[in-house]
């Protein structure tokens, strides 16, 4: 009578690492969080599908470009300050190594081969550090607030007959909506970071 022997389910460290990298890649690609990855010199390294959908661009047209070459200010908007403000945020992250949450920012986009489109965002930027604490990449995350901003802009102005309480109530509602969006974005970023830590 033969005795069956169980072979150990052994996988080499290289195989385990390859599988982990594959899982991480799928997590990045299919995350609902729009994420753009930049080199420290602000060259675009990669973007996930959520980000590409948000900005209506393709990975091929963005890869290797400088951030502000890929996303310049809208020349049709005289007061455009997206490049200046985003650049300052990146400088803050590179200097401190900490994440930086930007306030509501108008930053129009120009989809591939199409006219400029008005966009409002809540951006957050943070750094990816190596074991020595040096920045090896920057992560740029955005939450599109365009619909809510434009909806507020199209609401009729309060008439002189409305009380100041009505005006204050509408202002409070707008502030609450903005804070809620920031809170949801923060929670989503924490979930994404947890996934990144699980990979390492």
N, C-alpha and C. Protein backbone atom coordinates (compact mmCIF):
# COMPACT_ATOMS: atom_id res chain seq x y z
N UNK A 1 0.85 -1.19 0.00
CA UNK A 1 0.00 0.00 0.00
C UNK A 1 0.88 1.23 0.00
N UNK A 2 0.55 2.15 -0.88
CA UNK A 2 1.36 3.37 -0.95
C UNK A 2 0.73 4.44 -0.08
N UNK A 3 1.57 5.24 0.49
CA UNK A 3 1.11 6.34 1.34
C UNK A 3 1.30 7.65 0.58
N UNK A 4 0.20 8.36 0.42
CA UNK A 4 0.28 9.63 -0.29
C UNK A 4 0.99 10.66 0.58
N UNK A 5 1.90 11.35 -0.01
CA UNK A 5 2.61 12.42 0.71
C UNK A 5 2.17 13.76 0.19
N UNK A 6 1.98 14.68 1.09
CA UNK A 6 1.57 16.02 0.70
C UNK A 6 2.80 16.87 0.40
N UNK A 7 2.82 17.44 -0.78
CA UNK A 7 3.90 18.35 -1.13
C UNK A 7 3.58 19.74 -0.56
N UNK A 8 4.55 20.37 0.05
CA UNK A 8 4.29 21.72 0.59
C UNK A 8 3.96 22.69 -0.54
N UNK A 9 3.00 23.57 -0.26
CA UNK A 9 2.62 24.60 -1.23
C UNK A 9 3.62 25.75 -1.12
N UNK A 10 4.79 25.53 -1.70
CA UNK A 10 5.88 26.50 -1.55
C UNK A 10 5.96 27.39 -2.77
N UNK A 11 6.00 28.69 -2.48
CA UNK A 11 6.22 29.65 -3.56
C UNK A 11 7.46 30.47 -3.23
N UNK A 12 8.25 30.71 -4.22
CA UNK A 12 9.49 31.45 -4.00
C UNK A 12 9.17 32.90 -3.64
N UNK A 13 10.10 33.57 -2.93
CA UNK A 13 9.90 34.99 -2.62
C UNK A 13 9.66 35.82 -3.88
N UNK A 14 10.32 35.47 -4.98
CA UNK A 14 10.13 36.21 -6.23
C UNK A 14 8.71 36.07 -6.73
N UNK A 15 8.13 34.85 -6.59
CA UNK A 15 6.76 34.64 -7.04
C UNK A 15 5.77 35.42 -6.16
N UNK A 16 6.02 35.43 -4.86
CA UNK A 16 5.15 36.17 -3.94
C UNK A 16 5.22 37.66 -4.25
N UNK A 17 6.44 38.17 -4.50
CA UNK A 17 6.60 39.58 -4.81
C UNK A 17 5.91 39.94 -6.13
N UNK A 18 6.03 39.08 -7.11
CA UNK A 18 5.39 39.33 -8.40
C UNK A 18 3.88 39.38 -8.26
N UNK A 19 3.33 38.49 -7.44
CA UNK A 19 1.89 38.48 -7.22
C UNK A 19 1.44 39.74 -6.49
N UNK A 20 2.22 40.16 -5.48
CA UNK A 20 1.89 41.37 -4.73
C UNK A 20 1.91 42.60 -5.65
N UNK A 21 2.91 42.66 -6.53
CA UNK A 21 2.98 43.78 -7.46
C UNK A 21 1.81 43.77 -8.43
N UNK A 22 1.40 42.58 -8.82
CA UNK A 22 0.25 42.48 -9.72
C UNK A 22 -1.02 42.95 -9.03
N UNK A 23 -1.19 42.57 -7.76
CA UNK A 23 -2.36 43.01 -6.99
C UNK A 23 -2.35 44.52 -6.83
N UNK A 24 -1.17 45.07 -6.51
CA UNK A 24 -1.06 46.52 -6.33
C UNK A 24 -1.40 47.24 -7.62
N UNK A 25 -0.92 46.71 -8.75
CA UNK A 25 -1.19 47.34 -10.03
C UNK A 25 -2.69 47.37 -10.31
N UNK A 26 -3.38 46.25 -10.02
CA UNK A 26 -4.83 46.21 -10.23
C UNK A 26 -5.55 47.18 -9.29
N UNK A 27 -5.06 47.27 -8.05
CA UNK A 27 -5.65 48.20 -7.09
C UNK A 27 -5.52 49.63 -7.60
N UNK A 28 -4.35 49.98 -8.09
CA UNK A 28 -4.11 51.32 -8.63
C UNK A 28 -4.99 51.58 -9.84
N UNK A 29 -5.02 50.66 -10.77
CA UNK A 29 -5.75 50.85 -12.02
C UNK A 29 -7.24 51.01 -11.81
N UNK A 30 -7.82 50.21 -10.90
CA UNK A 30 -9.27 50.15 -10.76
C UNK A 30 -9.79 50.93 -9.55
N UNK A 31 -8.92 51.67 -8.87
CA UNK A 31 -9.37 52.47 -7.73
C UNK A 31 -10.35 53.54 -8.20
N UNK A 32 -11.41 53.79 -7.43
CA UNK A 32 -12.32 54.89 -7.80
C UNK A 32 -11.71 56.26 -7.55
N UNK A 33 -10.57 56.30 -6.86
CA UNK A 33 -9.89 57.57 -6.59
C UNK A 33 -9.09 57.99 -7.83
N UNK A 34 -9.32 59.19 -8.36
CA UNK A 34 -8.49 59.66 -9.48
C UNK A 34 -7.08 60.00 -8.98
N UNK A 35 -6.08 59.30 -9.50
CA UNK A 35 -4.71 59.46 -9.01
C UNK A 35 -3.75 59.64 -10.17
N UNK A 36 -2.89 60.65 -10.03
CA UNK A 36 -1.80 60.90 -10.97
C UNK A 36 -0.50 60.78 -10.20
N UNK A 37 0.48 60.07 -10.75
CA UNK A 37 1.77 59.89 -10.11
C UNK A 37 2.82 60.68 -10.88
N UNK A 38 3.60 61.47 -10.12
CA UNK A 38 4.61 62.33 -10.71
C UNK A 38 5.98 62.01 -10.15
N UNK A 39 7.01 62.19 -10.96
CA UNK A 39 8.37 62.15 -10.47
C UNK A 39 8.63 63.44 -9.69
N UNK A 40 9.67 63.50 -8.85
CA UNK A 40 9.95 64.72 -8.09
C UNK A 40 10.17 65.95 -8.96
N UNK A 41 10.57 65.76 -10.22
CA UNK A 41 10.74 66.91 -11.13
C UNK A 41 9.44 67.27 -11.83
N UNK A 42 8.32 66.68 -11.38
CA UNK A 42 6.96 66.95 -11.87
C UNK A 42 6.71 66.40 -13.27
N UNK A 43 7.50 65.41 -13.67
CA UNK A 43 7.19 64.67 -14.89
C UNK A 43 6.13 63.62 -14.58
N UNK A 44 5.17 63.44 -15.48
CA UNK A 44 4.09 62.48 -15.25
C UNK A 44 4.62 61.07 -15.45
N UNK A 45 4.44 60.24 -14.42
CA UNK A 45 4.87 58.84 -14.46
C UNK A 45 3.72 57.94 -14.87
N UNK A 46 2.55 58.15 -14.26
CA UNK A 46 1.42 57.27 -14.54
C UNK A 46 0.14 57.93 -14.04
N UNK A 47 -0.99 57.43 -14.52
CA UNK A 47 -2.30 57.87 -14.06
C UNK A 47 -3.23 56.68 -14.12
N UNK A 48 -4.14 56.60 -13.15
CA UNK A 48 -5.07 55.47 -13.20
C UNK A 48 -6.28 55.83 -14.06
N UNK A 49 -7.13 54.82 -14.29
CA UNK A 49 -8.26 55.01 -15.18
C UNK A 49 -9.23 56.08 -14.68
N UNK A 50 -9.41 56.16 -13.36
CA UNK A 50 -10.32 57.17 -12.80
C UNK A 50 -9.83 58.58 -13.13
N UNK A 51 -8.53 58.79 -12.99
CA UNK A 51 -7.97 60.12 -13.29
C UNK A 51 -8.10 60.44 -14.78
N UNK A 52 -7.77 59.47 -15.61
CA UNK A 52 -7.84 59.69 -17.05
C UNK A 52 -9.26 60.03 -17.49
N UNK A 53 -10.25 59.39 -16.87
CA UNK A 53 -11.65 59.71 -17.18
C UNK A 53 -11.99 61.13 -16.75
N UNK A 54 -11.52 61.52 -15.56
CA UNK A 54 -11.84 62.85 -15.04
C UNK A 54 -11.31 63.96 -15.95
N UNK A 55 -10.11 63.77 -16.49
CA UNK A 55 -9.50 64.83 -17.30
C UNK A 55 -9.66 64.59 -18.79
N UNK A 56 -10.34 63.52 -19.15
CA UNK A 56 -10.62 63.19 -20.56
C UNK A 56 -9.34 63.16 -21.41
N UNK A 57 -8.34 62.47 -20.87
CA UNK A 57 -7.07 62.33 -21.58
C UNK A 57 -6.68 60.86 -21.61
N UNK A 58 -5.71 60.53 -22.45
CA UNK A 58 -5.22 59.17 -22.53
C UNK A 58 -3.85 59.07 -21.88
N UNK A 59 -3.52 57.88 -21.42
CA UNK A 59 -2.22 57.66 -20.78
C UNK A 59 -1.08 57.97 -21.75
N UNK A 60 -1.27 57.63 -23.01
CA UNK A 60 -0.21 57.82 -24.00
C UNK A 60 0.12 59.30 -24.20
N UNK A 61 -0.89 60.18 -24.12
CA UNK A 61 -0.65 61.60 -24.35
C UNK A 61 -0.06 62.30 -23.13
N UNK A 62 -0.11 61.65 -21.97
CA UNK A 62 0.38 62.28 -20.74
C UNK A 62 1.75 61.78 -20.30
N UNK A 63 2.05 60.52 -20.57
CA UNK A 63 3.26 59.90 -20.04
C UNK A 63 4.51 60.67 -20.44
N UNK A 64 5.31 61.02 -19.42
CA UNK A 64 6.59 61.68 -19.65
C UNK A 64 6.52 63.19 -19.76
N UNK A 65 5.32 63.76 -19.83
CA UNK A 65 5.20 65.21 -19.95
C UNK A 65 5.38 65.88 -18.60
N UNK A 66 5.86 67.12 -18.62
CA UNK A 66 5.84 67.95 -17.42
C UNK A 66 4.38 68.23 -17.06
N UNK A 67 4.08 68.25 -15.76
CA UNK A 67 2.70 68.44 -15.31
C UNK A 67 2.05 69.65 -15.94
N UNK A 68 2.79 70.76 -16.00
CA UNK A 68 2.18 72.00 -16.46
C UNK A 68 2.29 72.18 -17.98
N UNK A 69 3.04 71.31 -18.62
CA UNK A 69 2.97 71.21 -20.07
C UNK A 69 1.71 70.43 -20.46
N UNK A 70 1.41 69.40 -19.69
CA UNK A 70 0.22 68.60 -19.94
C UNK A 70 -1.05 69.35 -19.55
N UNK A 71 -0.96 70.12 -18.45
CA UNK A 71 -2.14 70.83 -17.93
C UNK A 71 -1.81 72.30 -17.70
N UNK A 72 -1.75 73.09 -18.77
CA UNK A 72 -1.48 74.52 -18.62
C UNK A 72 -2.74 75.25 -18.17
N UNK A 73 -2.58 76.53 -17.82
CA UNK A 73 -3.75 77.36 -17.54
C UNK A 73 -4.54 77.57 -18.83
N UNK A 74 -5.84 77.73 -18.65
CA UNK A 74 -6.71 78.02 -19.78
C UNK A 74 -6.40 79.43 -20.29
N UNK A 75 -5.89 79.57 -21.53
CA UNK A 75 -5.56 80.91 -22.03
C UNK A 75 -6.78 81.79 -22.25
N UNK A 76 -7.97 81.19 -22.24
CA UNK A 76 -9.20 81.96 -22.43
C UNK A 76 -9.75 82.50 -21.12
N UNK A 77 -9.12 82.13 -20.00
CA UNK A 77 -9.56 82.57 -18.67
C UNK A 77 -8.52 83.52 -18.11
N UNK A 78 -8.85 84.81 -18.09
CA UNK A 78 -7.87 85.83 -17.70
C UNK A 78 -7.36 85.65 -16.27
N UNK A 79 -8.20 85.17 -15.38
CA UNK A 79 -7.80 85.04 -13.99
C UNK A 79 -7.31 83.66 -13.61
N UNK A 80 -6.96 82.84 -14.57
CA UNK A 80 -6.54 81.46 -14.28
C UNK A 80 -5.31 81.45 -13.38
N UNK A 81 -5.40 80.69 -12.28
CA UNK A 81 -4.27 80.61 -11.35
C UNK A 81 -3.99 79.16 -10.93
N UNK A 82 -4.51 78.22 -11.72
CA UNK A 82 -4.33 76.81 -11.37
C UNK A 82 -2.88 76.39 -11.35
N UNK A 83 -2.11 76.78 -12.37
CA UNK A 83 -0.69 76.39 -12.43
C UNK A 83 0.06 76.95 -11.23
N UNK A 84 -0.16 78.22 -10.93
CA UNK A 84 0.54 78.86 -9.82
C UNK A 84 0.21 78.18 -8.48
N UNK A 85 -1.07 77.94 -8.24
CA UNK A 85 -1.47 77.38 -6.95
C UNK A 85 -1.06 75.92 -6.80
N UNK A 86 -1.21 75.15 -7.88
CA UNK A 86 -0.81 73.74 -7.81
C UNK A 86 0.70 73.62 -7.67
N UNK A 87 1.44 74.47 -8.38
CA UNK A 87 2.89 74.47 -8.27
C UNK A 87 3.33 74.77 -6.83
N UNK A 88 2.66 75.73 -6.20
CA UNK A 88 2.98 76.07 -4.81
C UNK A 88 2.69 74.89 -3.88
N UNK A 89 1.60 74.17 -4.15
CA UNK A 89 1.27 73.01 -3.33
C UNK A 89 2.33 71.92 -3.48
N UNK A 90 2.76 71.66 -4.72
CA UNK A 90 3.81 70.66 -4.93
C UNK A 90 5.10 71.07 -4.20
N UNK A 91 5.43 72.35 -4.25
CA UNK A 91 6.64 72.83 -3.56
C UNK A 91 6.53 72.59 -2.06
N UNK A 92 5.34 72.83 -1.52
CA UNK A 92 5.12 72.59 -0.09
C UNK A 92 5.34 71.12 0.26
N UNK A 93 4.79 70.23 -0.56
CA UNK A 93 4.93 68.79 -0.31
C UNK A 93 6.39 68.36 -0.44
N UNK A 94 7.09 68.85 -1.46
CA UNK A 94 8.50 68.49 -1.65
C UNK A 94 9.36 69.00 -0.51
N UNK A 95 9.02 70.19 0.00
CA UNK A 95 9.81 70.79 1.07
C UNK A 95 9.57 70.14 2.42
N UNK A 96 8.31 69.79 2.70
CA UNK A 96 7.96 69.27 4.03
C UNK A 96 7.85 67.75 4.08
N UNK A 97 7.61 67.10 2.94
CA UNK A 97 7.37 65.66 2.94
C UNK A 97 6.00 65.29 3.43
N UNK A 98 5.14 66.28 3.65
CA UNK A 98 3.79 66.03 4.16
C UNK A 98 2.76 66.33 3.08
N UNK A 99 1.57 65.74 3.26
CA UNK A 99 0.49 65.99 2.32
C UNK A 99 -0.02 67.41 2.44
N UNK A 100 -0.60 67.90 1.36
CA UNK A 100 -1.15 69.26 1.34
C UNK A 100 -2.52 69.24 0.67
N UNK A 101 -3.53 69.70 1.40
CA UNK A 101 -4.89 69.78 0.87
C UNK A 101 -5.12 71.20 0.36
N UNK A 102 -5.48 71.32 -0.90
CA UNK A 102 -5.74 72.63 -1.48
C UNK A 102 -7.21 73.00 -1.33
N UNK A 103 -7.50 74.30 -1.24
CA UNK A 103 -8.90 74.71 -1.26
C UNK A 103 -9.49 74.52 -2.65
N UNK A 104 -10.78 74.77 -2.76
CA UNK A 104 -11.44 74.66 -4.05
C UNK A 104 -10.66 75.44 -5.11
N UNK A 105 -10.40 74.78 -6.23
CA UNK A 105 -9.55 75.38 -7.27
C UNK A 105 -10.21 75.25 -8.64
N UNK A 106 -10.36 76.37 -9.33
CA UNK A 106 -10.76 76.28 -10.73
C UNK A 106 -9.51 75.95 -11.55
N UNK A 107 -9.61 74.88 -12.32
CA UNK A 107 -8.49 74.46 -13.16
C UNK A 107 -9.11 73.78 -14.39
N UNK A 108 -9.28 74.56 -15.44
CA UNK A 108 -9.95 74.06 -16.64
C UNK A 108 -9.10 73.01 -17.35
N UNK A 109 -9.78 72.14 -18.08
CA UNK A 109 -9.08 71.09 -18.82
C UNK A 109 -9.39 71.21 -20.31
N UNK A 110 -8.49 70.67 -21.10
CA UNK A 110 -8.71 70.60 -22.54
C UNK A 110 -8.58 69.14 -22.98
N UNK A 111 -9.71 68.45 -23.10
CA UNK A 111 -9.66 67.05 -23.54
C UNK A 111 -8.96 66.92 -24.88
N UNK A 112 -8.42 65.75 -25.16
CA UNK A 112 -7.71 65.51 -26.41
C UNK A 112 -8.57 65.93 -27.61
N UNK A 113 -8.08 66.91 -28.35
CA UNK A 113 -8.74 67.32 -29.58
C UNK A 113 -10.05 68.07 -29.41
N UNK A 114 -10.34 68.56 -28.20
CA UNK A 114 -11.60 69.25 -27.96
C UNK A 114 -11.39 70.60 -27.29
N UNK A 115 -12.43 71.45 -27.26
CA UNK A 115 -12.27 72.78 -26.64
C UNK A 115 -12.06 72.69 -25.13
N UNK A 116 -11.65 73.83 -24.56
CA UNK A 116 -11.47 73.92 -23.11
C UNK A 116 -12.81 73.72 -22.40
N UNK A 117 -12.74 73.10 -21.21
CA UNK A 117 -13.93 72.88 -20.39
C UNK A 117 -13.66 73.41 -18.99
N UNK A 118 -14.65 74.08 -18.44
CA UNK A 118 -14.53 74.61 -17.07
C UNK A 118 -14.57 73.46 -16.08
N UNK A 119 -13.63 73.48 -15.13
CA UNK A 119 -13.60 72.46 -14.08
C UNK A 119 -13.20 73.09 -12.75
N UNK A 120 -13.86 72.63 -11.68
CA UNK A 120 -13.50 72.99 -10.31
C UNK A 120 -13.14 71.71 -9.57
N UNK A 121 -12.07 71.79 -8.77
CA UNK A 121 -11.54 70.60 -8.11
C UNK A 121 -11.24 70.87 -6.64
N UNK A 122 -11.25 69.79 -5.86
CA UNK A 122 -10.62 69.77 -4.55
C UNK A 122 -9.38 68.89 -4.68
N UNK A 123 -8.19 69.47 -4.81
CA UNK A 123 -6.98 68.66 -4.98
C UNK A 123 -6.29 68.37 -3.65
N UNK A 124 -5.61 67.22 -3.60
CA UNK A 124 -4.71 66.90 -2.50
C UNK A 124 -3.45 66.27 -3.08
N UNK A 125 -2.31 66.67 -2.54
CA UNK A 125 -1.03 66.17 -3.02
C UNK A 125 -0.23 65.63 -1.84
N UNK A 126 0.48 64.55 -2.04
CA UNK A 126 1.36 64.03 -1.00
C UNK A 126 2.55 63.33 -1.64
N UNK A 127 3.55 63.08 -0.82
CA UNK A 127 4.79 62.49 -1.33
C UNK A 127 4.88 61.02 -0.96
N UNK A 128 5.61 60.28 -1.77
CA UNK A 128 5.98 58.89 -1.48
C UNK A 128 7.45 58.91 -1.12
N UNK A 129 7.77 58.46 0.08
CA UNK A 129 9.12 58.54 0.60
C UNK A 129 9.82 57.18 0.57
N UNK A 130 11.13 57.21 0.38
CA UNK A 130 11.90 55.96 0.47
C UNK A 130 12.31 55.73 1.91
N UNK A 131 13.10 54.69 2.15
CA UNK A 131 13.49 54.34 3.53
C UNK A 131 14.31 55.43 4.20
N UNK A 132 14.93 56.29 3.42
CA UNK A 132 15.76 57.36 3.97
C UNK A 132 15.00 58.66 4.13
N UNK A 133 13.72 58.65 3.78
CA UNK A 133 12.90 59.84 3.92
C UNK A 133 12.96 60.79 2.74
N UNK A 134 13.55 60.35 1.64
CA UNK A 134 13.62 61.19 0.45
C UNK A 134 12.39 60.94 -0.43
N UNK A 135 11.91 62.00 -1.06
CA UNK A 135 10.75 61.89 -1.93
C UNK A 135 11.13 61.20 -3.24
N UNK A 136 10.44 60.11 -3.54
CA UNK A 136 10.70 59.39 -4.79
C UNK A 136 9.57 59.60 -5.79
N UNK A 137 8.43 60.10 -5.31
CA UNK A 137 7.30 60.37 -6.20
C UNK A 137 6.32 61.30 -5.50
N UNK A 138 5.50 61.95 -6.29
CA UNK A 138 4.40 62.76 -5.79
C UNK A 138 3.10 62.16 -6.28
N UNK A 139 2.09 62.18 -5.42
CA UNK A 139 0.76 61.69 -5.78
C UNK A 139 -0.19 62.88 -5.80
N UNK A 140 -0.92 63.02 -6.89
CA UNK A 140 -1.87 64.10 -7.08
C UNK A 140 -3.27 63.49 -7.19
N UNK A 141 -4.13 63.85 -6.26
CA UNK A 141 -5.50 63.31 -6.23
C UNK A 141 -6.48 64.47 -6.34
N UNK A 142 -7.52 64.30 -7.13
CA UNK A 142 -8.52 65.36 -7.29
C UNK A 142 -9.93 64.80 -7.09
N UNK A 143 -10.79 65.65 -6.57
CA UNK A 143 -12.22 65.36 -6.49
C UNK A 143 -12.94 66.45 -7.28
N UNK A 144 -13.70 66.06 -8.28
CA UNK A 144 -14.37 67.02 -9.17
C UNK A 144 -15.57 67.63 -8.45
N UNK A 145 -15.54 68.97 -8.32
CA UNK A 145 -16.63 69.69 -7.66
C UNK A 145 -17.39 70.57 -8.64
N UNK A 146 -17.16 70.36 -9.94
CA UNK A 146 -17.70 71.26 -10.96
C UNK A 146 -19.22 71.36 -10.90
N UNK A 147 -19.90 70.24 -10.83
CA UNK A 147 -21.37 70.25 -10.87
C UNK A 147 -21.96 71.06 -9.73
N UNK A 148 -21.45 70.84 -8.51
CA UNK A 148 -22.01 71.56 -7.36
C UNK A 148 -21.69 73.05 -7.43
N UNK A 149 -20.48 73.40 -7.91
CA UNK A 149 -20.11 74.82 -8.01
C UNK A 149 -20.98 75.52 -9.04
N UNK A 150 -21.12 74.93 -10.21
CA UNK A 150 -21.91 75.55 -11.26
C UNK A 150 -23.39 75.62 -10.88
N UNK A 151 -23.86 74.62 -10.13
CA UNK A 151 -25.25 74.65 -9.69
C UNK A 151 -25.49 75.84 -8.76
N UNK A 152 -24.54 76.09 -7.86
CA UNK A 152 -24.68 77.24 -6.96
C UNK A 152 -24.61 78.54 -7.73
N UNK A 153 -23.77 78.58 -8.77
CA UNK A 153 -23.64 79.81 -9.55
C UNK A 153 -24.91 80.15 -10.32
N UNK A 154 -25.69 79.14 -10.68
CA UNK A 154 -26.90 79.38 -11.46
C UNK A 154 -28.12 79.65 -10.59
N UNK A 155 -28.00 79.48 -9.28
CA UNK A 155 -29.13 79.78 -8.40
C UNK A 155 -29.41 81.28 -8.43
N UNK A 156 -30.69 81.69 -8.40
CA UNK A 156 -31.01 83.12 -8.41
C UNK A 156 -30.51 83.80 -7.15
N UNK A 157 -30.06 85.03 -7.31
CA UNK A 157 -29.61 85.79 -6.15
C UNK A 157 -30.80 86.09 -5.25
N UNK A 158 -30.56 86.13 -3.94
CA UNK A 158 -31.67 86.42 -3.03
C UNK A 158 -32.20 87.83 -3.26
N UNK A 159 -33.53 87.96 -3.28
CA UNK A 159 -34.14 89.28 -3.48
C UNK A 159 -34.00 90.11 -2.20
N UNK A 160 -34.20 91.39 -2.36
CA UNK A 160 -34.06 92.29 -1.21
C UNK A 160 -35.08 91.99 -0.13
N UNK A 161 -36.17 91.30 -0.53
CA UNK A 161 -37.20 90.99 0.45
C UNK A 161 -36.83 89.82 1.34
N UNK A 162 -35.80 89.04 0.92
CA UNK A 162 -35.41 87.89 1.74
C UNK A 162 -34.65 88.36 2.97
N UNK A 163 -34.84 87.66 4.04
CA UNK A 163 -34.18 88.03 5.28
C UNK A 163 -32.72 87.62 5.26
N UNK A 164 -31.92 88.22 6.12
CA UNK A 164 -30.50 87.87 6.22
C UNK A 164 -30.35 86.43 6.70
N UNK A 165 -31.35 85.92 7.43
CA UNK A 165 -31.29 84.54 7.89
C UNK A 165 -31.31 83.57 6.71
N UNK A 166 -32.09 83.89 5.66
CA UNK A 166 -32.14 83.04 4.47
C UNK A 166 -30.77 82.99 3.79
N UNK A 167 -30.14 84.16 3.69
CA UNK A 167 -28.83 84.23 3.05
C UNK A 167 -27.81 83.43 3.85
N UNK A 168 -27.84 83.59 5.16
CA UNK A 168 -26.89 82.87 6.02
C UNK A 168 -27.12 81.36 5.95
N UNK A 169 -28.39 80.95 5.86
CA UNK A 169 -28.69 79.53 5.77
C UNK A 169 -28.12 78.94 4.49
N UNK A 170 -28.26 79.66 3.36
CA UNK A 170 -27.71 79.17 2.11
C UNK A 170 -26.19 79.11 2.18
N UNK A 171 -25.57 80.07 2.83
CA UNK A 171 -24.12 80.07 2.98
C UNK A 171 -23.67 78.88 3.83
N UNK A 172 -24.39 78.63 4.91
CA UNK A 172 -24.06 77.49 5.77
C UNK A 172 -24.18 76.18 5.01
N UNK A 173 -25.22 76.06 4.18
CA UNK A 173 -25.39 74.84 3.39
C UNK A 173 -24.25 74.63 2.41
N UNK A 174 -23.80 75.73 1.79
CA UNK A 174 -22.68 75.63 0.85
C UNK A 174 -21.40 75.22 1.57
N UNK A 175 -21.17 75.80 2.75
CA UNK A 175 -19.98 75.45 3.53
C UNK A 175 -20.04 74.00 3.97
N UNK A 176 -21.20 73.55 4.41
CA UNK A 176 -21.34 72.15 4.83
C UNK A 176 -21.06 71.22 3.66
N UNK A 177 -21.58 71.54 2.48
CA UNK A 177 -21.37 70.69 1.31
C UNK A 177 -19.89 70.59 0.98
N UNK A 178 -19.19 71.72 1.05
CA UNK A 178 -17.75 71.71 0.75
C UNK A 178 -16.99 70.89 1.79
N UNK A 179 -17.32 71.06 3.06
CA UNK A 179 -16.64 70.30 4.11
C UNK A 179 -16.91 68.81 3.98
N UNK A 180 -18.13 68.45 3.62
CA UNK A 180 -18.48 67.04 3.46
C UNK A 180 -17.69 66.42 2.31
N UNK A 181 -17.51 67.17 1.24
CA UNK A 181 -16.73 66.66 0.11
C UNK A 181 -15.28 66.47 0.50
N UNK A 182 -14.72 67.42 1.26
CA UNK A 182 -13.35 67.28 1.74
C UNK A 182 -13.22 66.06 2.66
N UNK A 183 -14.23 65.87 3.55
CA UNK A 183 -14.19 64.72 4.46
C UNK A 183 -14.20 63.40 3.69
N UNK A 184 -15.09 63.30 2.69
CA UNK A 184 -15.17 62.07 1.91
C UNK A 184 -13.87 61.82 1.14
N UNK A 185 -13.29 62.90 0.61
CA UNK A 185 -12.02 62.76 -0.11
C UNK A 185 -10.93 62.27 0.83
N UNK A 186 -10.89 62.83 2.06
CA UNK A 186 -9.88 62.43 3.05
C UNK A 186 -10.03 60.95 3.40
N UNK A 187 -11.27 60.51 3.61
CA UNK A 187 -11.49 59.10 3.93
C UNK A 187 -11.05 58.19 2.79
N UNK A 188 -11.32 58.61 1.56
CA UNK A 188 -10.92 57.81 0.41
C UNK A 188 -9.41 57.71 0.31
N UNK A 189 -8.72 58.83 0.61
CA UNK A 189 -7.26 58.84 0.55
C UNK A 189 -6.68 57.93 1.62
N UNK A 190 -7.27 57.95 2.82
CA UNK A 190 -6.79 57.06 3.88
C UNK A 190 -6.95 55.60 3.48
N UNK A 191 -8.06 55.28 2.82
CA UNK A 191 -8.27 53.90 2.36
C UNK A 191 -7.24 53.52 1.32
N UNK A 192 -6.92 54.46 0.44
CA UNK A 192 -5.91 54.19 -0.59
C UNK A 192 -4.55 53.99 0.05
N UNK A 193 -4.20 54.81 1.05
CA UNK A 193 -2.91 54.67 1.73
C UNK A 193 -2.81 53.33 2.46
N UNK A 194 -3.94 52.90 3.03
CA UNK A 194 -3.94 51.60 3.71
C UNK A 194 -3.61 50.50 2.71
N UNK A 195 -4.14 50.62 1.51
CA UNK A 195 -3.83 49.64 0.47
C UNK A 195 -2.37 49.68 0.09
N UNK A 196 -1.78 50.89 0.05
CA UNK A 196 -0.36 51.01 -0.28
C UNK A 196 0.51 50.38 0.81
N UNK A 197 0.14 50.59 2.09
CA UNK A 197 0.91 50.00 3.19
C UNK A 197 0.82 48.49 3.17
N UNK A 198 -0.35 47.97 2.83
CA UNK A 198 -0.52 46.51 2.77
C UNK A 198 0.38 45.90 1.72
N UNK A 199 0.65 46.67 0.68
CA UNK A 199 1.52 46.17 -0.39
C UNK A 199 2.97 46.09 0.05
N UNK A 200 3.39 47.07 0.91
CA UNK A 200 4.81 47.13 1.30
C UNK A 200 5.13 46.12 2.39
